[in-house]
Amino acid sequence: MQQLFNFFIKNKTFVLFLLLLSCALSLTIQSHEYHRSKFLNSSNQITGSIYGTYNGITQYFNLKKENQILLEENKRMKMTVFSQENAVPIDTLLEYKYELYSSLVYKNSYALPNNYLTLNKGQIDHIEEDYGVITSKGIVGIVDQTSKNYSRVLSILNTNSRINVKLKKTNYFGILSWDGKSPEITQLKDIQDLVKLSIGDTIVTSGYSSTFPPNMPVGTIDSYRLNDTEDLYIIDVKLFNDMKNLEHVYIIKNTDINELKALNISDE
């Protein structure tokens, strides 16, 4: 307290000046409408700027949380769609039910002959082999190995990948594979040469497996040609997913997968 008194005594002239200046400004603002409005506008602008900066910083640090909320909401919506009854032409009508798990991509390769992804979900999250992996745009691959906390995904950009797909317009189906060249293009084979094709036609999953629900988006026809025997098409499919830029994905669990495997119905 004594130090405070000493400060005021030592700087009494400067303190008196500040006091008189404050009184003069206060009287000026109160007595003139123009000055009062300018003062209030300036004050509001400064306060708004401070709050804007604060909110911007807060939103930046909350992005991860907000992204997770959006993923969970997206997951619930997709589960509602996938869990509807779908008539799948195997031997009987089966009611496919699916559960989705949102996940982050920790590692992704796309320039090798055999590419894989690493996800931050594993056995502790009830993830098992043969679960499908998708994004909101289309299919990504199939889980082929799991550890306690992580999963390895066989990418559709893997020369060993084989996935049943079909032409959305005509329902003719074949096998989607990759020739190891462009990360944007995969190949659809085993389509008869009598089938009518058009550039831009949509390719979707066939539903002839326990891994992916039917009619999941894959890509569009980019080009096509006949094989060496000229009785089957080789169709170049431009993928909906940008496989070079994957961050958030969904892992699909078919709750009937064990029963389907027992019936030897599970194919990729």
C-alpha atoms as a PDB file:
ATOM      1  CA  MET A   1       0.000   0.000   0.000  1.00  0.00           C
ATOM      2  CA  GLN A   2       2.844   2.383   0.875  1.00  0.00           C
ATOM      3  CA  GLN A   3       4.408   1.703  -2.532  1.00  0.00           C
ATOM      4  CA  LEU A   4       1.131   2.634  -4.210  1.00  0.00           C
ATOM      5  CA  PHE A   5       1.003   5.936  -2.300  1.00  0.00           C
ATOM      6  CA  ASN A   6       4.606   6.633  -3.206  1.00  0.00           C
ATOM      7  CA  PHE A   7       3.805   6.000  -6.890  1.00  0.00           C
ATOM      8  CA  PHE A   8       0.937   8.512  -6.914  1.00  0.00           C
ATOM      9  CA  ILE A   9       2.975  11.112  -5.021  1.00  0.00           C
ATOM     10  CA  LYS A  10       5.921  10.652  -7.367  1.00  0.00           C
ATOM     11  CA  ASN A  11       3.742  10.888 -10.499  1.00  0.00           C
ATOM     12  CA  LYS A  12       1.083  13.273  -9.178  1.00  0.00           C
ATOM     13  CA  THR A  13       1.400  15.651 -12.136  1.00  0.00           C
ATOM     14  CA  PHE A  14       0.886  12.877 -14.710  1.00  0.00           C
ATOM     15  CA  VAL A  15      -1.985  11.324 -12.732  1.00  0.00           C
ATOM     16  CA  LEU A  16      -3.680  14.735 -12.441  1.00  0.00           C
ATOM     17  CA  PHE A  17      -3.278  15.210 -16.194  1.00  0.00           C
ATOM     18  CA  LEU A  18      -4.938  11.842 -16.928  1.00  0.00           C
ATOM     19  CA  LEU A  19      -7.795  12.631 -14.544  1.00  0.00           C
ATOM     20  CA  LEU A  20      -8.459  16.035 -16.120  1.00  0.00           C
ATOM     21  CA  LEU A  21      -8.210  14.522 -19.639  1.00  0.00           C
ATOM     22  CA  SER A  22     -10.760  11.835 -18.723  1.00  0.00           C
ATOM     23  CA  CYS A  23     -13.144  14.437 -17.320  1.00  0.00           C
ATOM     24  CA  ALA A  24     -12.785  16.587 -20.437  1.00  0.00           C
ATOM     25  CA  LEU A  25     -13.438  13.641 -22.752  1.00  0.00           C
ATOM     26  CA  SER A  26     -16.418  12.530 -20.699  1.00  0.00           C
ATOM     27  CA  LEU A  27     -17.963  16.003 -20.769  1.00  0.00           C
ATOM     28  CA  THR A  28     -17.347  16.302 -24.518  1.00  0.00           C
ATOM     29  CA  ILE A  29     -18.950  12.918 -25.271  1.00  0.00           C
ATOM     30  CA  GLN A  30     -21.942  13.588 -23.021  1.00  0.00           C
ATOM     31  CA  SER A  31     -22.609  17.078 -24.350  1.00  0.00           C
ATOM     32  CA  HIS A  32     -22.365  16.293 -28.114  1.00  0.00           C
ATOM     33  CA  GLU A  33     -24.462  13.611 -29.835  1.00  0.00           C
ATOM     34  CA  TYR A  34     -21.981  13.279 -32.678  1.00  0.00           C
ATOM     35  CA  HIS A  35     -19.038  12.583 -30.372  1.00  0.00           C
ATOM     36  CA  ARG A  36     -21.106  10.141 -28.291  1.00  0.00           C
ATOM     37  CA  SER A  37     -22.151   8.115 -31.355  1.00  0.00           C
ATOM     38  CA  LYS A  38     -18.579   8.011 -32.644  1.00  0.00           C
ATOM     39  CA  PHE A  39     -17.313   6.815 -29.283  1.00  0.00           C
ATOM     40  CA  LEU A  40     -19.941   4.059 -29.037  1.00  0.00           C
ATOM     41  CA  ASN A  41     -19.298   2.919 -32.608  1.00  0.00           C
ATOM     42  CA  SER A  42     -15.565   2.728 -31.991  1.00  0.00           C
ATOM     43  CA  SER A  43     -16.109   0.838 -28.759  1.00  0.00           C
ATOM     44  CA  ASN A  44     -18.427  -1.662 -30.420  1.00  0.00           C
ATOM     45  CA  GLN A  45     -16.000  -2.166 -33.280  1.00  0.00           C
ATOM     46  CA  ILE A  46     -13.119  -2.898 -30.925  1.00  0.00           C
ATOM     47  CA  THR A  47     -15.237  -5.234 -28.800  1.00  0.00           C
ATOM     48  CA  GLY A  48     -16.577  -7.015 -31.892  1.00  0.00           C
ATOM     49  CA  SER A  49     -13.084  -7.443 -33.253  1.00  0.00           C
ATOM     50  CA  ILE A  50     -11.896  -8.986 -29.980  1.00  0.00           C
ATOM     51  CA  TYR A  51     -14.844 -11.401 -29.838  1.00  0.00           C
ATOM     52  CA  GLY A  52     -14.425 -12.250 -33.520  1.00  0.00           C
ATOM     53  CA  THR A  53     -10.783 -13.148 -32.978  1.00  0.00           C
ATOM     54  CA  TYR A  54     -11.657 -15.160 -29.886  1.00  0.00           C
ATOM     55  CA  ASN A  55     -14.423 -17.055 -31.663  1.00  0.00           C
ATOM     56  CA  GLY A  56     -12.143 -17.737 -34.621  1.00  0.00           C
ATOM     57  CA  ILE A  57      -9.517 -19.247 -32.342  1.00  0.00           C
ATOM     58  CA  THR A  58     -12.147 -21.240 -30.452  1.00  0.00           C
ATOM     59  CA  GLN A  59     -13.664 -22.576 -33.671  1.00  0.00           C
ATOM     60  CA  TYR A  60     -10.220 -23.575 -34.939  1.00  0.00           C
ATOM     61  CA  PHE A  61      -9.510 -25.661 -31.855  1.00  0.00           C
ATOM     62  CA  ASN A  62     -13.041 -27.108 -31.974  1.00  0.00           C
ATOM     63  CA  LEU A  63     -12.755 -28.257 -35.592  1.00  0.00           C
ATOM     64  CA  LYS A  64     -11.763 -31.779 -34.585  1.00  0.00           C
ATOM     65  CA  LYS A  65     -14.750 -32.056 -32.251  1.00  0.00           C
ATOM     66  CA  GLU A  66     -17.136 -30.615 -34.829  1.00  0.00           C
ATOM     67  CA  ASN A  67     -15.810 -32.954 -37.519  1.00  0.00           C
ATOM     68  CA  GLN A  68     -16.387 -35.909 -35.223  1.00  0.00           C
ATOM     69  CA  ILE A  69     -19.968 -34.774 -34.566  1.00  0.00           C
ATOM     70  CA  LEU A  70     -20.580 -34.505 -38.315  1.00  0.00           C
ATOM     71  CA  LEU A  71     -19.080 -37.963 -38.872  1.00  0.00           C
ATOM     72  CA  GLU A  72     -21.307 -39.493 -36.216  1.00  0.00           C
ATOM     73  CA  GLU A  73     -24.389 -37.830 -37.682  1.00  0.00           C
ATOM     74  CA  ASN A  74     -23.419 -38.982 -41.162  1.00  0.00           C
ATOM     75  CA  LYS A  75     -22.906 -42.468 -39.785  1.00  0.00           C
ATOM     76  CA  ARG A  76     -26.393 -42.579 -38.295  1.00  0.00           C
ATOM     77  CA  MET A  77     -27.925 -41.456 -41.582  1.00  0.00           C
ATOM     78  CA  LYS A  78     -26.020 -44.052 -43.596  1.00  0.00           C
ATOM     79  CA  MET A  79     -26.918 -46.827 -41.150  1.00  0.00           C
ATOM     80  CA  THR A  80     -30.593 -45.950 -41.599  1.00  0.00           C
ATOM     81  CA  VAL A  81     -30.257 -46.268 -45.383  1.00  0.00           C
ATOM     82  CA  PHE A  82     -28.134 -49.420 -45.384  1.00  0.00           C
ATOM     83  CA  SER A  83     -30.309 -51.204 -42.836  1.00  0.00           C
ATOM     84  CA  GLN A  84     -33.401 -51.046 -45.003  1.00  0.00           C
ATOM     85  CA  GLU A  85     -34.538 -54.288 -46.581  1.00  0.00           C
ATOM     86  CA  ASN A  86     -32.820 -54.940 -49.893  1.00  0.00           C
ATOM     87  CA  ALA A  87     -33.855 -57.669 -52.302  1.00  0.00           C
ATOM     88  CA  VAL A  88     -30.572 -59.419 -53.036  1.00  0.00           C
ATOM     89  CA  PRO A  89     -30.882 -62.204 -55.626  1.00  0.00           C
ATOM     90  CA  ILE A  90     -29.067 -65.014 -53.845  1.00  0.00           C
ATOM     91  CA  ASP A  91     -31.194 -68.019 -52.893  1.00  0.00           C
ATOM     92  CA  THR A  92     -33.512 -66.188 -50.536  1.00  0.00           C
ATOM     93  CA  LEU A  93     -34.431 -62.646 -49.588  1.00  0.00           C
ATOM     94  CA  LEU A  94     -32.149 -61.610 -46.756  1.00  0.00           C
ATOM     95  CA  GLU A  95     -32.595 -58.563 -44.569  1.00  0.00           C
ATOM     96  CA  TYR A  96     -29.189 -56.886 -44.633  1.00  0.00           C
ATOM     97  CA  LYS A  97     -28.389 -54.852 -41.552  1.00  0.00           C
ATOM     98  CA  TYR A  98     -25.285 -52.738 -41.250  1.00  0.00           C
ATOM     99  CA  GLU A  99     -23.348 -50.930 -38.570  1.00  0.00           C
ATOM    100  CA  LEU A 100     -20.914 -48.154 -39.395  1.00  0.00           C
ATOM    101  CA  TYR A 101     -17.768 -47.044 -37.576  1.00  0.00           C
ATOM    102  CA  SER A 102     -16.195 -43.681 -38.387  1.00  0.00           C
ATOM    103  CA  SER A 103     -12.426 -43.806 -38.636  1.00  0.00           C
ATOM    104  CA  LEU A 104      -9.386 -41.710 -39.540  1.00  0.00           C
ATOM    105  CA  VAL A 105      -6.849 -42.700 -42.174  1.00  0.00           C
ATOM    106  CA  TYR A 106      -3.396 -42.792 -40.566  1.00  0.00           C
ATOM    107  CA  LYS A 107      -1.537 -43.974 -43.658  1.00  0.00           C
ATOM    108  CA  ASN A 108      -2.469 -44.292 -47.314  1.00  0.00           C
ATOM    109  CA  SER A 109      -0.468 -45.444 -50.337  1.00  0.00           C
ATOM    110  CA  TYR A 110      -1.627 -45.154 -53.940  1.00  0.00           C
ATOM    111  CA  ALA A 111       1.507 -45.241 -56.132  1.00  0.00           C
ATOM    112  CA  LEU A 112       2.553 -48.865 -55.539  1.00  0.00           C
ATOM    113  CA  PRO A 113       1.303 -51.994 -57.324  1.00  0.00           C
ATOM    114  CA  ASN A 114      -0.280 -53.161 -54.053  1.00  0.00           C
ATOM    115  CA  ASN A 115      -1.570 -50.307 -51.921  1.00  0.00           C
ATOM    116  CA  TYR A 116      -2.967 -50.338 -48.379  1.00  0.00           C
ATOM    117  CA  LEU A 117      -4.495 -47.951 -45.858  1.00  0.00           C
ATOM    118  CA  THR A 118      -4.022 -47.925 -42.081  1.00  0.00           C
ATOM    119  CA  LEU A 119      -7.026 -46.891 -39.973  1.00  0.00           C
ATOM    120  CA  ASN A 120      -7.211 -45.908 -36.297  1.00  0.00           C
ATOM    121  CA  LYS A 121      -9.808 -48.556 -35.444  1.00  0.00           C
ATOM    122  CA  GLY A 122      -9.033 -52.168 -34.558  1.00  0.00           C
ATOM    123  CA  GLN A 123     -10.086 -55.206 -32.577  1.00  0.00           C
ATOM    124  CA  ILE A 124     -10.826 -53.122 -29.491  1.00  0.00           C
ATOM    125  CA  ASP A 125     -13.441 -51.328 -31.636  1.00  0.00           C
ATOM    126  CA  HIS A 126     -14.893 -54.672 -32.842  1.00  0.00           C
ATOM    127  CA  ILE A 127     -13.377 -54.325 -36.320  1.00  0.00           C
ATOM    128  CA  GLU A 128     -12.765 -57.613 -38.131  1.00  0.00           C
ATOM    129  CA  GLU A 129     -11.410 -58.796 -41.467  1.00  0.00           C
ATOM    130  CA  ASP A 130     -13.642 -58.543 -44.555  1.00  0.00           C
ATOM    131  CA  TYR A 131     -15.405 -55.380 -43.356  1.00  0.00           C
ATOM    132  CA  GLY A 132     -15.925 -52.875 -46.162  1.00  0.00           C
ATOM    133  CA  VAL A 133     -14.493 -49.349 -46.073  1.00  0.00           C
ATOM    134  CA  ILE A 134     -16.184 -46.392 -47.771  1.00  0.00           C
ATOM    135  CA  THR A 135     -16.450 -42.618 -47.804  1.00  0.00           C
ATOM    136  CA  SER A 136     -19.491 -40.490 -48.565  1.00  0.00           C
ATOM    137  CA  LYS A 137     -18.416 -40.602 -52.229  1.00  0.00           C
ATOM    138  CA  GLY A 138     -17.807 -44.304 -52.722  1.00  0.00           C
ATOM    139  CA  ILE A 139     -15.940 -47.490 -51.836  1.00  0.00           C
ATOM    140  CA  VAL A 140     -12.329 -47.494 -50.628  1.00  0.00           C
ATOM    141  CA  GLY A 141     -11.389 -51.115 -49.925  1.00  0.00           C
ATOM    142  CA  ILE A 142     -11.737 -54.082 -47.581  1.00  0.00           C
ATOM    143  CA  VAL A 143     -10.187 -54.688 -44.155  1.00  0.00           C
ATOM    144  CA  ASP A 144      -7.687 -57.548 -44.489  1.00  0.00           C
ATOM    145  CA  GLN A 145      -5.786 -57.382 -41.164  1.00  0.00           C
ATOM    146  CA  THR A 146      -6.516 -56.057 -37.677  1.00  0.00           C
ATOM    147  CA  SER A 147      -4.549 -55.431 -34.500  1.00  0.00           C
ATOM    148  CA  LYS A 148      -5.717 -54.182 -31.128  1.00  0.00           C
ATOM    149  CA  ASN A 149      -5.968 -50.525 -32.171  1.00  0.00           C
ATOM    150  CA  TYR A 150      -5.520 -50.473 -35.936  1.00  0.00           C
ATOM    151  CA  SER A 151      -6.770 -52.006 -39.168  1.00  0.00           C
ATOM    152  CA  ARG A 152      -5.097 -52.547 -42.501  1.00  0.00           C
ATOM    153  CA  VAL A 153      -7.268 -52.045 -45.572  1.00  0.00           C
ATOM    154  CA  LEU A 154      -6.701 -53.662 -48.951  1.00  0.00           C
ATOM    155  CA  SER A 155      -7.222 -50.634 -51.194  1.00  0.00           C
ATOM    156  CA  ILE A 156      -9.167 -50.867 -54.446  1.00  0.00           C
ATOM    157  CA  LEU A 157      -5.838 -49.587 -55.832  1.00  0.00           C
ATOM    158  CA  ASN A 158      -4.289 -52.992 -55.183  1.00  0.00           C
ATOM    159  CA  THR A 159      -3.679 -55.464 -57.989  1.00  0.00           C
ATOM    160  CA  ASN A 160      -5.002 -58.234 -55.719  1.00  0.00           C
ATOM    161  CA  SER A 161      -8.319 -56.462 -55.100  1.00  0.00           C
ATOM    162  CA  ARG A 162     -11.461 -58.067 -56.566  1.00  0.00           C
ATOM    163  CA  ILE A 163     -14.877 -56.503 -55.894  1.00  0.00           C
ATOM    164  CA  ASN A 164     -18.257 -57.410 -57.383  1.00  0.00           C
ATOM    165  CA  VAL A 165     -19.821 -54.375 -59.082  1.00  0.00           C
ATOM    166  CA  LYS A 166     -22.477 -53.740 -61.716  1.00  0.00           C
ATOM    167  CA  LEU A 167     -23.722 -51.260 -64.279  1.00  0.00           C
ATOM    168  CA  LYS A 168     -26.371 -49.237 -62.472  1.00  0.00           C
ATOM    169  CA  LYS A 169     -28.449 -48.711 -65.609  1.00  0.00           C
ATOM    170  CA  THR A 170     -28.686 -52.354 -66.739  1.00  0.00           C
ATOM    171  CA  ASN A 171     -27.615 -54.403 -63.641  1.00  0.00           C
ATOM    172  CA  TYR A 172     -25.023 -56.374 -65.649  1.00  0.00           C
ATOM    173  CA  PHE A 173     -22.267 -57.285 -63.207  1.00  0.00           C
ATOM    174  CA  GLY A 174     -18.575 -58.056 -63.285  1.00  0.00           C
ATOM    175  CA  ILE A 175     -15.338 -57.803 -61.303  1.00  0.00           C
ATOM    176  CA  LEU A 176     -13.628 -54.527 -60.422  1.00  0.00           C
ATOM    177  CA  SER A 177      -9.826 -54.789 -60.349  1.00  0.00           C
ATOM    178  CA  TRP A 178      -6.838 -52.488 -60.906  1.00  0.00           C
ATOM    179  CA  ASP A 179      -4.098 -52.620 -63.514  1.00  0.00           C
ATOM    180  CA  GLY A 180      -1.583 -50.791 -61.323  1.00  0.00           C
ATOM    181  CA  LYS A 181      -1.446 -47.653 -63.444  1.00  0.00           C
ATOM    182  CA  SER A 182      -3.570 -44.571 -62.704  1.00  0.00           C
ATOM    183  CA  PRO A 183      -4.827 -44.028 -59.112  1.00  0.00           C
ATOM    184  CA  GLU A 184      -7.958 -42.463 -60.620  1.00  0.00           C
ATOM    185  CA  ILE A 185      -8.942 -45.373 -62.911  1.00  0.00           C
ATOM    186  CA  THR A 186      -9.817 -49.004 -62.165  1.00  0.00           C
ATOM    187  CA  GLN A 187     -11.012 -51.723 -64.540  1.00  0.00           C
ATOM    188  CA  LEU A 188     -14.340 -53.539 -64.745  1.00  0.00           C
ATOM    189  CA  LYS A 189     -14.130 -56.903 -66.507  1.00  0.00           C
ATOM    190  CA  ASP A 190     -16.362 -59.835 -67.489  1.00  0.00           C
ATOM    191  CA  ILE A 191     -19.088 -57.721 -69.094  1.00  0.00           C
ATOM    192  CA  GLN A 192     -20.374 -59.360 -72.280  1.00  0.00           C
ATOM    193  CA  ASP A 193     -19.782 -57.569 -75.572  1.00  0.00           C
ATOM    194  CA  LEU A 194     -23.543 -57.571 -76.261  1.00  0.00           C
ATOM    195  CA  VAL A 195     -24.181 -55.170 -73.373  1.00  0.00           C
ATOM    196  CA  LYS A 196     -24.820 -51.570 -74.402  1.00  0.00           C
ATOM    197  CA  LEU A 197     -22.354 -49.163 -72.799  1.00  0.00           C
ATOM    198  CA  SER A 198     -22.138 -45.373 -72.691  1.00  0.00           C
ATOM    199  CA  ILE A 199     -19.374 -43.079 -71.463  1.00  0.00           C
ATOM    200  CA  GLY A 200     -20.450 -41.650 -68.102  1.00  0.00           C
ATOM    201  CA  ASP A 201     -22.630 -44.607 -67.058  1.00  0.00           C
ATOM    202  CA  THR A 202     -22.504 -45.171 -63.293  1.00  0.00           C
ATOM    203  CA  ILE A 203     -20.886 -48.220 -61.686  1.00  0.00           C
ATOM    204  CA  VAL A 204     -22.125 -49.376 -58.247  1.00  0.00           C
ATOM    205  CA  THR A 205     -21.622 -52.365 -55.965  1.00  0.00           C
ATOM    206  CA  SER A 206     -23.641 -55.399 -56.978  1.00  0.00           C
ATOM    207  CA  GLY A 207     -24.836 -56.575 -53.562  1.00  0.00           C
ATOM    208  CA  TYR A 208     -23.648 -60.119 -54.344  1.00  0.00           C
ATOM    209  CA  SER A 209     -21.487 -60.211 -51.229  1.00  0.00           C
ATOM    210  CA  SER A 210     -21.546 -59.703 -47.487  1.00  0.00           C
ATOM    211  CA  THR A 211     -18.984 -56.894 -47.610  1.00  0.00           C
ATOM    212  CA  PHE A 212     -20.721 -53.976 -49.302  1.00  0.00           C
ATOM    213  CA  PRO A 213     -24.412 -53.050 -49.455  1.00  0.00           C
ATOM    214  CA  PRO A 214     -25.861 -53.014 -52.963  1.00  0.00           C
ATOM    215  CA  ASN A 215     -25.763 -49.831 -55.044  1.00  0.00           C
ATOM    216  CA  MET A 216     -22.823 -48.218 -53.243  1.00  0.00           C
ATOM    217  CA  PRO A 217     -21.233 -45.692 -55.658  1.00  0.00           C
ATOM    218  CA  VAL A 218     -17.962 -46.681 -57.317  1.00  0.00           C
ATOM    219  CA  GLY A 219     -17.390 -44.487 -60.369  1.00  0.00           C
ATOM    220  CA  THR A 220     -18.344 -43.839 -63.997  1.00  0.00           C
ATOM    221  CA  ILE A 221     -17.328 -45.356 -67.338  1.00  0.00           C
ATOM    222  CA  ASP A 222     -14.352 -43.414 -68.676  1.00  0.00           C
ATOM    223  CA  SER A 223     -13.651 -45.626 -71.699  1.00  0.00           C
ATOM    224  CA  TYR A 224     -14.044 -49.227 -72.836  1.00  0.00           C
ATOM    225  CA  ARG A 225     -12.595 -51.742 -75.273  1.00  0.00           C
ATOM    226  CA  LEU A 226     -12.839 -55.446 -76.109  1.00  0.00           C
ATOM    227  CA  ASN A 227     -10.425 -57.996 -74.659  1.00  0.00           C
ATOM    228  CA  ASP A 228      -8.100 -60.178 -76.744  1.00  0.00           C
ATOM    229  CA  THR A 229     -10.832 -62.696 -77.534  1.00  0.00           C
ATOM    230  CA  GLU A 230     -13.234 -59.856 -78.382  1.00  0.00           C
ATOM    231  CA  ASP A 231     -16.145 -61.314 -76.434  1.00  0.00           C
ATOM    232  CA  LEU A 232     -15.827 -59.350 -73.180  1.00  0.00           C
ATOM    233  CA  TYR A 233     -15.348 -55.674 -72.399  1.00  0.00           C
ATOM    234  CA  ILE A 234     -12.520 -54.142 -70.409  1.00  0.00           C
ATOM    235  CA  ILE A 235     -14.084 -50.998 -68.955  1.00  0.00           C
ATOM    236  CA  ASP A 236     -12.044 -48.165 -67.464  1.00  0.00           C
ATOM    237  CA  VAL A 237     -13.886 -46.803 -64.435  1.00  0.00           C
ATOM    238  CA  LYS A 238     -13.128 -43.291 -63.185  1.00  0.00           C
ATOM    239  CA  LEU A 239     -13.483 -43.481 -59.397  1.00  0.00           C
ATOM    240  CA  PHE A 240     -15.718 -41.119 -57.456  1.00  0.00           C
ATOM    241  CA  ASN A 241     -13.211 -41.114 -54.588  1.00  0.00           C
ATOM    242  CA  ASP A 242      -9.960 -39.209 -54.803  1.00  0.00           C
ATOM    243  CA  MET A 243      -7.828 -42.077 -53.520  1.00  0.00           C
ATOM    244  CA  LYS A 244      -4.853 -39.735 -53.114  1.00  0.00           C
ATOM    245  CA  ASN A 245      -6.697 -37.632 -50.549  1.00  0.00           C
ATOM    246  CA  LEU A 246      -8.480 -39.727 -47.934  1.00  0.00           C
ATOM    247  CA  GLU A 247      -8.860 -38.596 -44.328  1.00  0.00           C
ATOM    248  CA  HIS A 248     -12.230 -39.683 -42.906  1.00  0.00           C
ATOM    249  CA  VAL A 249     -13.744 -43.056 -43.801  1.00  0.00           C
ATOM    250  CA  TYR A 250     -16.472 -45.419 -42.601  1.00  0.00           C
ATOM    251  CA  ILE A 251     -16.022 -49.096 -41.819  1.00  0.00           C
ATOM    252  CA  ILE A 252     -19.101 -51.193 -42.636  1.00  0.00           C
ATOM    253  CA  LYS A 253     -20.104 -54.212 -40.586  1.00  0.00           C
ATOM    254  CA  ASN A 254     -22.751 -56.540 -41.938  1.00  0.00           C
ATOM    255  CA  THR A 255     -24.342 -57.993 -38.797  1.00  0.00           C
ATOM    256  CA  ASP A 256     -25.285 -61.142 -40.749  1.00  0.00           C
ATOM    257  CA  ILE A 257     -21.758 -61.735 -42.046  1.00  0.00           C
ATOM    258  CA  ASN A 258     -21.082 -64.874 -39.975  1.00  0.00           C
ATOM    259  CA  GLU A 259     -24.337 -66.485 -41.106  1.00  0.00           C
ATOM    260  CA  LEU A 260     -23.586 -65.612 -44.720  1.00  0.00           C
ATOM    261  CA  LYS A 261     -20.067 -67.008 -44.444  1.00  0.00           C
ATOM    262  CA  ALA A 262     -21.499 -70.235 -43.042  1.00  0.00           C
ATOM    263  CA  LEU A 263     -23.613 -70.460 -46.209  1.00  0.00           C
ATOM    264  CA  ASN A 264     -20.518 -69.756 -48.351  1.00  0.00           C
ATOM    265  CA  ILE A 265     -22.130 -66.612 -49.775  1.00  0.00           C
ATOM    266  CA  SER A 266     -19.459 -64.062 -48.871  1.00  0.00           C
ATOM    267  CA  ASP A 267     -17.502 -62.853 -51.872  1.00  0.00           C
ATOM    268  CA  GLU A 268     -15.872 -59.488 -52.227  1.00  0.00           C
END
